[in-house]
């Protein structure tokens, strides 16, 4: 999937509370191969929204 750089890292670096709660040393990335990555991402975000009532904080627009 081609896209522009994700804003997640910039938001993580700007938010001290998130950095304190989730130290960089404890983070990991799970790569998931999919034929339709944009659709999968949308489904995962929708699922998160259904559970928590908001989009993931490092994935939100704005």
N, C-alpha and C. Protein backbone atom coordinates (compact mmCIF):
# COMPACT_ATOMS: atom_id res chain seq x y z
N UNK A 1 0.85 -1.18 0.00
CA UNK A 1 0.00 0.00 0.00
C UNK A 1 0.89 1.24 0.00
N UNK A 2 0.67 2.12 -0.91
CA UNK A 2 1.42 3.36 -0.96
C UNK A 2 0.64 4.42 -0.18
N UNK A 3 1.34 5.17 0.64
CA UNK A 3 0.69 6.23 1.39
C UNK A 3 1.73 7.27 1.79
N UNK A 4 1.25 8.36 2.33
CA UNK A 4 2.16 9.36 2.87
C UNK A 4 2.61 8.89 4.24
N UNK A 5 3.67 9.47 4.79
CA UNK A 5 4.13 9.06 6.13
C UNK A 5 3.00 9.17 7.15
N UNK A 6 2.94 8.21 8.03
CA UNK A 6 1.89 8.17 9.05
C UNK A 6 2.22 9.15 10.16
N UNK A 7 1.21 9.82 10.66
CA UNK A 7 1.40 10.85 11.68
C UNK A 7 1.56 10.25 13.08
N UNK A 8 1.38 8.95 13.20
CA UNK A 8 1.43 8.28 14.50
C UNK A 8 2.69 8.64 15.29
N UNK A 9 3.84 8.55 14.67
CA UNK A 9 5.10 8.84 15.37
C UNK A 9 5.18 10.27 15.87
N UNK A 10 4.74 11.20 15.06
CA UNK A 10 4.77 12.61 15.48
C UNK A 10 3.84 12.83 16.66
N UNK A 11 2.66 12.21 16.63
CA UNK A 11 1.72 12.36 17.74
C UNK A 11 2.26 11.70 19.00
N UNK A 12 2.87 10.54 18.84
CA UNK A 12 3.47 9.84 19.99
C UNK A 12 4.52 10.73 20.63
N UNK A 13 5.40 11.32 19.83
CA UNK A 13 6.47 12.15 20.36
C UNK A 13 5.96 13.43 21.02
N UNK A 14 4.83 13.94 20.58
CA UNK A 14 4.28 15.17 21.13
C UNK A 14 3.50 14.96 22.42
N UNK A 15 3.08 13.72 22.71
CA UNK A 15 2.19 13.48 23.83
C UNK A 15 2.92 12.75 24.97
N UNK A 16 3.31 13.51 25.98
CA UNK A 16 4.08 12.95 27.10
C UNK A 16 3.29 11.88 27.85
N UNK A 17 1.99 12.04 27.99
CA UNK A 17 1.19 11.05 28.72
C UNK A 17 1.18 9.70 27.99
N UNK A 18 1.09 9.73 26.69
CA UNK A 18 1.12 8.48 25.92
C UNK A 18 2.51 7.85 26.02
N UNK A 19 3.56 8.67 25.91
CA UNK A 19 4.93 8.15 26.02
C UNK A 19 5.18 7.53 27.39
N UNK A 20 4.64 8.15 28.45
CA UNK A 20 4.81 7.60 29.79
C UNK A 20 4.06 6.28 29.95
N UNK A 21 2.86 6.22 29.42
CA UNK A 21 2.03 5.02 29.55
C UNK A 21 2.55 3.88 28.67
N UNK A 22 3.12 4.23 27.52
CA UNK A 22 3.60 3.25 26.56
C UNK A 22 5.04 3.58 26.17
N UNK A 23 6.01 3.23 27.02
CA UNK A 23 7.41 3.56 26.72
C UNK A 23 7.86 2.96 25.38
N UNK A 24 8.68 3.72 24.67
CA UNK A 24 9.15 3.31 23.36
C UNK A 24 9.77 1.92 23.39
N UNK A 25 10.52 1.63 24.44
CA UNK A 25 11.22 0.35 24.55
C UNK A 25 10.26 -0.84 24.61
N UNK A 26 9.00 -0.59 24.99
CA UNK A 26 8.02 -1.67 25.12
C UNK A 26 7.12 -1.82 23.89
N UNK A 27 7.26 -0.92 22.92
CA UNK A 27 6.41 -0.97 21.74
C UNK A 27 6.90 -2.01 20.74
N UNK A 28 5.96 -2.53 19.95
CA UNK A 28 6.33 -3.42 18.86
C UNK A 28 5.34 -3.21 17.72
N UNK A 29 5.71 -3.64 16.55
CA UNK A 29 4.87 -3.51 15.37
C UNK A 29 4.55 -4.91 14.87
N UNK A 30 3.29 -5.13 14.58
CA UNK A 30 2.87 -6.40 13.99
C UNK A 30 2.54 -6.14 12.53
N UNK A 31 3.22 -6.80 11.63
CA UNK A 31 2.96 -6.65 10.21
C UNK A 31 1.98 -7.74 9.77
N UNK A 32 0.96 -7.32 9.05
CA UNK A 32 -0.06 -8.25 8.57
C UNK A 32 -0.15 -8.11 7.06
N UNK A 33 0.14 -9.18 6.35
CA UNK A 33 0.04 -9.17 4.89
C UNK A 33 -1.43 -9.31 4.50
N UNK A 34 -1.87 -8.48 3.55
CA UNK A 34 -3.27 -8.53 3.12
C UNK A 34 -3.35 -8.02 1.68
N UNK A 35 -4.23 -8.62 0.90
CA UNK A 35 -4.41 -8.18 -0.48
C UNK A 35 -5.12 -6.84 -0.59
N UNK A 36 -5.82 -6.45 0.47
CA UNK A 36 -6.54 -5.16 0.49
C UNK A 36 -6.20 -4.43 1.79
N UNK A 37 -4.97 -3.91 1.92
CA UNK A 37 -4.56 -3.32 3.19
C UNK A 37 -5.40 -2.11 3.62
N UNK A 38 -5.84 -1.30 2.68
CA UNK A 38 -6.66 -0.14 3.05
C UNK A 38 -7.99 -0.60 3.64
N UNK A 39 -8.58 -1.63 3.05
CA UNK A 39 -9.84 -2.17 3.58
C UNK A 39 -9.63 -2.79 4.95
N UNK A 40 -8.55 -3.52 5.13
CA UNK A 40 -8.25 -4.13 6.43
C UNK A 40 -8.06 -3.05 7.49
N UNK A 41 -7.31 -1.99 7.16
CA UNK A 41 -7.11 -0.91 8.12
C UNK A 41 -8.45 -0.28 8.51
N UNK A 42 -9.31 -0.05 7.53
CA UNK A 42 -10.63 0.52 7.81
C UNK A 42 -11.42 -0.39 8.75
N UNK A 43 -11.38 -1.69 8.50
CA UNK A 43 -12.11 -2.64 9.35
C UNK A 43 -11.56 -2.63 10.77
N UNK A 44 -10.23 -2.60 10.91
CA UNK A 44 -9.63 -2.58 12.24
C UNK A 44 -9.97 -1.30 12.99
N UNK A 45 -9.95 -0.17 12.29
CA UNK A 45 -10.32 1.10 12.94
C UNK A 45 -11.79 1.08 13.32
N UNK A 46 -12.64 0.58 12.45
CA UNK A 46 -14.08 0.47 12.77
C UNK A 46 -14.30 -0.43 13.99
N UNK A 47 -13.57 -1.52 14.07
CA UNK A 47 -13.68 -2.43 15.20
C UNK A 47 -13.25 -1.74 16.50
N UNK A 48 -12.16 -0.99 16.44
CA UNK A 48 -11.69 -0.24 17.61
C UNK A 48 -12.76 0.76 18.02
N UNK A 49 -13.32 1.47 17.04
CA UNK A 49 -14.36 2.46 17.32
C UNK A 49 -15.57 1.81 17.99
N UNK A 50 -15.98 0.65 17.49
CA UNK A 50 -17.13 -0.05 18.08
C UNK A 50 -16.87 -0.42 19.54
N UNK A 51 -15.63 -0.76 19.85
CA UNK A 51 -15.30 -1.17 21.22
C UNK A 51 -15.10 0.01 22.17
N UNK A 52 -14.45 1.08 21.68
CA UNK A 52 -14.05 2.17 22.57
C UNK A 52 -14.80 3.49 22.34
N UNK A 53 -15.59 3.58 21.26
CA UNK A 53 -16.37 4.79 21.01
C UNK A 53 -15.57 5.95 20.43
N UNK A 54 -14.36 5.66 19.97
CA UNK A 54 -13.51 6.68 19.34
C UNK A 54 -12.48 5.96 18.48
N UNK A 55 -11.87 6.71 17.56
CA UNK A 55 -10.82 6.09 16.75
C UNK A 55 -9.54 6.04 17.60
N UNK A 56 -8.59 5.18 17.25
CA UNK A 56 -7.34 5.11 18.01
C UNK A 56 -6.69 6.49 18.08
N UNK A 57 -6.21 6.90 19.26
CA UNK A 57 -5.73 8.28 19.43
C UNK A 57 -4.57 8.65 18.53
N UNK A 58 -3.71 7.72 18.16
CA UNK A 58 -2.60 8.05 17.28
C UNK A 58 -2.98 7.93 15.82
N UNK A 59 -4.23 7.57 15.56
CA UNK A 59 -4.71 7.38 14.20
C UNK A 59 -5.77 8.43 13.85
N UNK A 60 -6.18 9.22 14.82
CA UNK A 60 -7.26 10.19 14.62
C UNK A 60 -6.84 11.34 13.70
N UNK A 61 -7.79 11.87 12.97
CA UNK A 61 -7.55 13.06 12.16
C UNK A 61 -7.52 14.27 13.06
N UNK A 62 -6.75 15.27 12.65
CA UNK A 62 -6.74 16.52 13.39
C UNK A 62 -5.50 16.79 14.15
